[in-house]
C-alpha atoms as a PDB file:
ATOM      1  CA  MET A   1      61.829   6.405-108.445  1.00  0.00           C
ATOM      2  CA  LEU A   2      60.426   5.424-105.086  1.00  0.00           C
ATOM      3  CA  GLU A   3      57.414   6.987-103.279  1.00  0.00           C
ATOM      4  CA  VAL A   4      56.937   6.097 -99.657  1.00  0.00           C
ATOM      5  CA  GLY A   5      53.401   6.217 -98.349  1.00  0.00           C
ATOM      6  CA  VAL A   6      51.847   6.019-101.731  1.00  0.00           C
ATOM      7  CA  GLY A   7      48.151   6.346-100.424  1.00  0.00           C
ATOM      8  CA  SER A   8      45.826   6.498-103.554  1.00  0.00           C
ATOM      9  CA  GLY A   9      48.719   6.122-105.913  1.00  0.00           C
ATOM     10  CA  VAL A  10      48.042   9.397-107.933  1.00  0.00           C
ATOM     11  CA  VAL A  11      51.525  10.952-107.378  1.00  0.00           C
ATOM     12  CA  LEU A  12      53.421   7.730-108.480  1.00  0.00           C
ATOM     13  CA  ALA A  13      50.857   7.130-111.185  1.00  0.00           C
ATOM     14  CA  PHE A  14      51.432  10.686-112.587  1.00  0.00           C
ATOM     15  CA  VAL A  15      55.264  10.313-112.690  1.00  0.00           C
ATOM     16  CA  ALA A  16      55.229   6.653-113.933  1.00  0.00           C
ATOM     17  CA  ALA A  17      52.787   7.932-116.872  1.00  0.00           C
ATOM     18  CA  ASN A  18      54.609  10.975-117.676  1.00  0.00           C
ATOM     19  CA  ALA A  19      58.227   9.967-117.238  1.00  0.00           C
ATOM     20  CA  CYS A  20      59.248  11.258-120.718  1.00  0.00           C
ATOM     21  CA  SER A  21      57.763  14.849-119.891  1.00  0.00           C
ATOM     22  CA  ILE A  22      58.959  14.967-116.291  1.00  0.00           C
ATOM     23  CA  LEU A  23      62.337  13.191-116.419  1.00  0.00           C
ATOM     24  CA  GLY A  24      63.200  13.237-120.182  1.00  0.00           C
ATOM     25  CA  ARG A  25      63.496   9.481-120.385  1.00  0.00           C
ATOM     26  CA  HIS A  26      61.378   6.272-120.592  1.00  0.00           C
ATOM     27  CA  ASP A  27      63.450   3.849-118.794  1.00  0.00           C
ATOM     28  CA  VAL A  28      62.322   4.554-115.316  1.00  0.00           C
ATOM     29  CA  LEU A  29      61.676   1.893-112.503  1.00  0.00           C
ATOM     30  CA  THR A  30      58.985   3.029-110.282  1.00  0.00           C
ATOM     31  CA  LEU A  31      58.281   1.604-106.988  1.00  0.00           C
ATOM     32  CA  GLY A  32      55.988   2.409-103.866  1.00  0.00           C
ATOM     33  CA  THR A  33      55.710   1.536-100.381  1.00  0.00           C
ATOM     34  CA  ASP A  34      52.694   1.955 -97.844  1.00  0.00           C
ATOM     35  CA  LEU A  35      51.896   0.600 -94.349  1.00  0.00           C
ATOM     36  CA  ASN A  36      48.362   0.234 -95.264  1.00  0.00           C
ATOM     37  CA  ARG A  37      47.868  -3.001 -97.306  1.00  0.00           C
ATOM     38  CA  PHE A  38      44.748  -1.821 -98.535  1.00  0.00           C
ATOM     39  CA  ALA A  39      46.404   1.440 -99.889  1.00  0.00           C
ATOM     40  CA  CYS A  40      49.060  -0.925-101.617  1.00  0.00           C
ATOM     41  CA  GLN A  41      46.344  -2.640-103.508  1.00  0.00           C
ATOM     42  CA  ALA A  42      44.634   0.381-104.676  1.00  0.00           C
ATOM     43  CA  ALA A  43      47.733   2.563-105.604  1.00  0.00           C
ATOM     44  CA  SER A  44      48.968  -0.604-107.657  1.00  0.00           C
ATOM     45  CA  GLN A  45      45.735  -0.587-109.747  1.00  0.00           C
ATOM     46  CA  THR A  46      45.876   3.218-109.993  1.00  0.00           C
ATOM     47  CA  VAL A  47      49.711   3.280-111.276  1.00  0.00           C
ATOM     48  CA  ARG A  48      49.065   0.424-113.838  1.00  0.00           C
ATOM     49  CA  HIS A  49      45.928   2.134-115.220  1.00  0.00           C
ATOM     50  CA  ALA A  50      47.621   5.244-115.601  1.00  0.00           C
ATOM     51  CA  ILE A  51      50.451   3.722-117.600  1.00  0.00           C
ATOM     52  CA  GLU A  52      47.944   1.651-119.856  1.00  0.00           C
ATOM     53  CA  GLU A  53      46.061   4.686-120.388  1.00  0.00           C
ATOM     54  CA  ARG A  54      48.788   6.806-121.582  1.00  0.00           C
ATOM     55  CA  LYS A  55      50.235   3.815-123.784  1.00  0.00           C
ATOM     56  CA  VAL A  56      53.605   4.474-122.116  1.00  0.00           C
ATOM     57  CA  ASP A  57      56.622   3.277-123.768  1.00  0.00           C
ATOM     58  CA  GLY A  58      57.572  -0.377-122.750  1.00  0.00           C
ATOM     59  CA  ARG A  59      60.827   0.514-121.144  1.00  0.00           C
ATOM     60  CA  THR A  60      58.922   2.280-118.334  1.00  0.00           C
ATOM     61  CA  VAL A  61      58.580  -0.402-115.551  1.00  0.00           C
ATOM     62  CA  PHE A  62      56.267  -0.145-112.690  1.00  0.00           C
ATOM     63  CA  LEU A  63      57.613  -2.770-110.063  1.00  0.00           C
ATOM     64  CA  ASP A  64      54.864  -2.787-107.549  1.00  0.00           C
ATOM     65  CA  VAL A  65      53.884  -1.267-104.128  1.00  0.00           C
ATOM     66  CA  VAL A  66      55.249  -2.914-101.314  1.00  0.00           C
ATOM     67  CA  ASN A  67      53.417  -3.116 -97.840  1.00  0.00           C
ATOM     68  CA  GLY A  68      56.026  -2.130 -95.559  1.00  0.00           C
ATOM     69  CA  ASP A  69      57.443   0.368 -93.033  1.00  0.00           C
ATOM     70  CA  LEU A  70      58.847   3.588 -94.847  1.00  0.00           C
ATOM     71  CA  ALA A  71      61.824   2.335 -97.037  1.00  0.00           C
ATOM     72  CA  THR A  72      63.175  -0.333 -94.625  1.00  0.00           C
ATOM     73  CA  ALA A  73      62.638  -2.926 -97.525  1.00  0.00           C
ATOM     74  CA  LEU A  74      64.907  -1.257 -99.882  1.00  0.00           C
ATOM     75  CA  ARG A  75      68.605  -1.987-100.808  1.00  0.00           C
ATOM     76  CA  PRO A  76      71.045   0.722 -99.893  1.00  0.00           C
ATOM     77  CA  HIS A  77      71.759   3.606-102.106  1.00  0.00           C
ATOM     78  CA  SER A  78      69.263   2.333-104.793  1.00  0.00           C
ATOM     79  CA  VAL A  79      67.035   5.209-105.365  1.00  0.00           C
ATOM     80  CA  ASP A  80      67.527   8.133-107.627  1.00  0.00           C
ATOM     81  CA  ILE A  81      64.222   9.880-106.840  1.00  0.00           C
ATOM     82  CA  PHE A  82      62.742   9.695-103.671  1.00  0.00           C
ATOM     83  CA  VAL A  83      59.169  11.256-103.119  1.00  0.00           C
ATOM     84  CA  PHE A  84      57.453  11.488 -99.541  1.00  0.00           C
ATOM     85  CA  ASN A  85      54.040  13.100 -98.696  1.00  0.00           C
ATOM     86  CA  PRO A  86      54.184  12.225 -94.943  1.00  0.00           C
ATOM     87  CA  PRO A  87      51.495  12.127 -92.455  1.00  0.00           C
ATOM     88  CA  TYR A  88      52.219  15.822 -91.273  1.00  0.00           C
ATOM     89  CA  VAL A  89      49.321  16.593 -88.979  1.00  0.00           C
ATOM     90  CA  PRO A  90      50.397  17.341 -85.408  1.00  0.00           C
ATOM     91  CA  ALA A  91      47.962  14.617 -83.982  1.00  0.00           C
ATOM     92  CA  GLU A  92      48.460  11.552 -81.711  1.00  0.00           C
ATOM     93  CA  LEU A  93      49.968   8.757 -83.509  1.00  0.00           C
ATOM     94  CA  PRO A  94      47.826   5.617 -84.133  1.00  0.00           C
ATOM     95  CA  ASP A  95      48.278   2.564 -81.847  1.00  0.00           C
ATOM     96  CA  LEU A  96      50.405   0.192 -84.064  1.00  0.00           C
ATOM     97  CA  SER A  97      49.851  -2.726 -81.617  1.00  0.00           C
ATOM     98  CA  ARG A  98      46.564  -2.965 -83.558  1.00  0.00           C
ATOM     99  CA  HIS A  99      48.223  -2.995 -86.909  1.00  0.00           C
ATOM    100  CA  THR A 100      48.422  -6.679 -87.606  1.00  0.00           C
ATOM    101  CA  ASP A 101      44.802  -7.179 -86.990  1.00  0.00           C
ATOM    102  CA  PHE A 102      43.490  -3.994 -88.837  1.00  0.00           C
ATOM    103  CA  ASN A 103      45.878  -4.400 -91.773  1.00  0.00           C
ATOM    104  CA  ALA A 104      43.453  -7.180 -93.478  1.00  0.00           C
ATOM    105  CA  LEU A 105      39.973  -8.074 -93.592  1.00  0.00           C
ATOM    106  CA  ALA A 106      38.765 -10.182 -90.499  1.00  0.00           C
ATOM    107  CA  HIS A 107      38.221 -13.722 -91.055  1.00  0.00           C
ATOM    108  CA  GLY A 108      34.689 -14.047 -92.755  1.00  0.00           C
ATOM    109  CA  ARG A 109      34.180 -10.504 -93.455  1.00  0.00           C
ATOM    110  CA  SER A 110      34.025  -8.750 -96.701  1.00  0.00           C
ATOM    111  CA  LYS A 111      34.258  -5.324 -95.606  1.00  0.00           C
ATOM    112  CA  THR A 112      36.376  -3.395 -93.024  1.00  0.00           C
ATOM    113  CA  SER A 113      34.978  -2.189 -89.760  1.00  0.00           C
ATOM    114  CA  PHE A 114      34.420   1.487 -88.817  1.00  0.00           C
ATOM    115  CA  GLU A 115      37.078   1.046 -86.008  1.00  0.00           C
ATOM    116  CA  GLN A 116      39.531  -0.581 -88.690  1.00  0.00           C
ATOM    117  CA  ASP A 117      38.728   2.506 -91.120  1.00  0.00           C
ATOM    118  CA  SER A 118      39.424   4.897 -88.546  1.00  0.00           C
ATOM    119  CA  TYR A 119      42.824   3.386 -87.727  1.00  0.00           C
ATOM    120  CA  LEU A 120      43.787   3.141 -91.311  1.00  0.00           C
ATOM    121  CA  LEU A 121      42.749   6.789 -91.954  1.00  0.00           C
ATOM    122  CA  GLU A 122      44.843   7.911 -88.955  1.00  0.00           C
ATOM    123  CA  LEU A 123      47.971   6.281 -90.580  1.00  0.00           C
ATOM    124  CA  SER A 124      47.524   8.489 -93.558  1.00  0.00           C
ATOM    125  CA  TYR A 125      47.570  11.796 -91.662  1.00  0.00           C
ATOM    126  CA  ALA A 126      48.765  11.593 -87.843  1.00  0.00           C
ATOM    127  CA  GLY A 127      52.300  12.774 -87.470  1.00  0.00           C
ATOM    128  CA  GLY A 128      52.690  12.820 -83.797  1.00  0.00           C
ATOM    129  CA  GLU A 129      54.315  15.944 -82.072  1.00  0.00           C
ATOM    130  CA  ASP A 130      54.820  18.785 -84.329  1.00  0.00           C
ATOM    131  CA  GLY A 131      53.719  16.366 -87.025  1.00  0.00           C
ATOM    132  CA  MET A 132      57.182  15.208 -87.541  1.00  0.00           C
ATOM    133  CA  ALA A 133      57.452  11.809 -85.820  1.00  0.00           C
ATOM    134  CA  VAL A 134      57.086   9.595 -88.914  1.00  0.00           C
ATOM    135  CA  THR A 135      58.824  12.306 -91.038  1.00  0.00           C
ATOM    136  CA  ASP A 136      61.802  12.271 -88.668  1.00  0.00           C
ATOM    137  CA  ARG A 137      62.189   8.625 -88.963  1.00  0.00           C
ATOM    138  CA  MET A 138      62.089   8.762 -92.701  1.00  0.00           C
ATOM    139  CA  LEU A 139      64.678  11.406 -92.850  1.00  0.00           C
ATOM    140  CA  GLU A 140      67.114   9.435 -91.055  1.00  0.00           C
ATOM    141  CA  GLN A 141      66.839   6.740 -93.703  1.00  0.00           C
ATOM    142  CA  VAL A 142      67.307   9.321 -96.655  1.00  0.00           C
ATOM    143  CA  PRO A 143      71.317   9.205 -96.626  1.00  0.00           C
ATOM    144  CA  ASP A 144      71.069   5.353 -96.805  1.00  0.00           C
ATOM    145  CA  ILE A 145      68.649   5.025 -99.654  1.00  0.00           C
ATOM    146  CA  LEU A 146      69.611   7.755-102.191  1.00  0.00           C
ATOM    147  CA  SER A 147      72.175   6.793-105.033  1.00  0.00           C
ATOM    148  CA  HIS A 148      75.600   8.109-104.695  1.00  0.00           C
ATOM    149  CA  GLY A 149      76.180  11.452-106.547  1.00  0.00           C
ATOM    150  CA  ARG A 150      72.790  11.664-108.132  1.00  0.00           C
ATOM    151  CA  GLY A 151      69.842  10.882-105.620  1.00  0.00           C
ATOM    152  CA  VAL A 152      67.495  13.471-104.704  1.00  0.00           C
ATOM    153  CA  ALA A 153      64.521  13.505-102.373  1.00  0.00           C
ATOM    154  CA  TYR A 154      61.444  15.512-102.514  1.00  0.00           C
ATOM    155  CA  VAL A 155      59.626  15.922 -99.242  1.00  0.00           C
ATOM    156  CA  LEU A 156      56.242  17.726 -98.377  1.00  0.00           C
ATOM    157  CA  LEU A 157      55.861  19.504 -95.025  1.00  0.00           C
ATOM    158  CA  CYS A 158      53.483  21.988 -93.675  1.00  0.00           C
ATOM    159  CA  ALA A 159      54.193  25.111 -91.579  1.00  0.00           C
ATOM    160  CA  GLN A 160      53.770  23.424 -88.222  1.00  0.00           C
ATOM    161  CA  ASN A 161      56.432  20.943 -89.108  1.00  0.00           C
ATOM    162  CA  LYS A 162      59.085  23.803 -88.889  1.00  0.00           C
ATOM    163  CA  PRO A 163      60.583  23.623 -92.207  1.00  0.00           C
ATOM    164  CA  ASP A 164      63.394  26.106 -91.570  1.00  0.00           C
ATOM    165  CA  ALA A 165      64.433  23.754 -88.633  1.00  0.00           C
ATOM    166  CA  VAL A 166      64.304  20.736 -90.992  1.00  0.00           C
ATOM    167  CA  LYS A 167      66.740  22.606 -93.254  1.00  0.00           C
ATOM    168  CA  LYS A 168      69.274  23.331 -90.703  1.00  0.00           C
ATOM    169  CA  ARG A 169      69.063  19.787 -89.576  1.00  0.00           C
ATOM    170  CA  ILE A 170      69.597  18.490 -92.938  1.00  0.00           C
ATOM    171  CA  ARG A 171      72.683  20.854 -93.627  1.00  0.00           C
ATOM    172  CA  GLY A 172      74.283  19.516 -90.558  1.00  0.00           C
ATOM    173  CA  TRP A 173      74.337  16.092 -91.926  1.00  0.00           C
ATOM    174  CA  GLY A 174      77.695  16.656 -93.207  1.00  0.00           C
ATOM    175  CA  PRO A 175      79.712  17.767 -96.331  1.00  0.00           C
ATOM    176  CA  GLY A 176      77.794  18.022 -99.660  1.00  0.00           C
ATOM    177  CA  TRP A 177      74.417  17.768 -98.082  1.00  0.00           C
ATOM    178  CA  GLN A 178      72.110  20.581 -99.655  1.00  0.00           C
ATOM    179  CA  ILE A 179      68.438  21.377 -99.143  1.00  0.00           C
ATOM    180  CA  GLU A 180      66.284  24.118-100.739  1.00  0.00           C
ATOM    181  CA  THR A 181      62.513  24.846-101.182  1.00  0.00           C
ATOM    182  CA  VAL A 182      61.417  24.150-104.519  1.00  0.00           C
ATOM    183  CA  GLY A 183      57.563  24.742-104.197  1.00  0.00           C
ATOM    184  CA  SER A 184      54.909  26.186-101.845  1.00  0.00           C
ATOM    185  CA  SER A 185      51.078  26.512-101.628  1.00  0.00           C
ATOM    186  CA  GLY A 186      51.675  30.310-101.523  1.00  0.00           C
ATOM    187  CA  MET A 187      48.794  30.845 -99.309  1.00  0.00           C
ATOM    188  CA  LYS A 188      47.163  28.854 -96.505  1.00  0.00           C
ATOM    189  CA  ALA A 189      44.942  26.033 -97.475  1.00  0.00           C
ATOM    190  CA  GLY A 190      42.670  26.210 -94.233  1.00  0.00           C
ATOM    191  CA  TRP A 191      45.332  26.008 -91.496  1.00  0.00           C
ATOM    192  CA  GLU A 192      48.029  24.449 -93.823  1.00  0.00           C
ATOM    193  CA  LYS A 193      50.719  26.069 -95.753  1.00  0.00           C
ATOM    194  CA  LEU A 194      52.632  23.579 -97.674  1.00  0.00           C
ATOM    195  CA  VAL A 195      56.241  23.615 -98.797  1.00  0.00           C
ATOM    196  CA  VAL A 196      58.251  20.917-100.915  1.00  0.00           C
ATOM    197  CA  LEU A 197      61.757  20.477-100.009  1.00  0.00           C
ATOM    198  CA  ARG A 198      64.366  19.054-102.250  1.00  0.00           C
ATOM    199  CA  ILE A 199      67.457  17.102-100.472  1.00  0.00           C
ATOM    200  CA  TRP A 200      70.405  16.050-102.221  1.00  0.00           C
ATOM    201  CA  ASN A 201      74.314  15.329-101.792  1.00  0.00           C
ATOM    202  CA  GLY A 202      77.261  16.387-104.127  1.00  0.00           C
ATOM    203  CA  GLY A 203      76.000  19.254-106.141  1.00  0.00           C
ATOM    204  CA  PRO A 204      72.821  20.321-107.818  1.00  0.00           C
ATOM    205  CA  PRO A 205      70.600  17.240-108.783  1.00  0.00           C
ATOM    206  CA  ASP A 206      70.645  16.034-112.381  1.00  0.00           C
ATOM    207  CA  GLY A 207      67.687  16.428-114.618  1.00  0.00           C
ATOM    208  CA  LYS A 208      64.545  18.761-114.266  1.00  0.00           C
ATOM    209  CA  SER A 209      63.089  19.762-111.164  1.00  0.00           C
END
């Protein structure tokens, strides 16, 4: 299982610690990625703590959280379950030219600066026009990362992301590609109305939803 954009790590930690209840098996490899190096460090601790607290069977393996851009570091067709809670807010994208400087503590400093914190926060929510700039890039990678025949992706969107248009686009990928809404917030949380989309190829996904 891969989660891209792990943030605090709570989603990956929940799946890793409850793999048997959710997936019906213990032998699960879990991996995360995030563009924010500080988030990677925090999420790694969160997942490891959750596994230890639940005394999960030793066959469940947490690989780590990789500091990288989306799923670019992954071997093709190696992911059975993909989870993505993207930066979906329609807001200007952060200036990535500052990323190298802001993705680590400055020399001689023990804390991040206010400007650095602001930039890292933008990475977590700002999605560009329609909130889809980052999600569009990730969706382009989905056919290449999902395992053949059994890979399934779960992607969270808000109403401003135009989920119906996303569904139409996915179905246009070619034969076998399917997508459906498997969860929603039901009512608006502030200005947000959230939906979870499930994407797969080759028939209904295996296992539990």
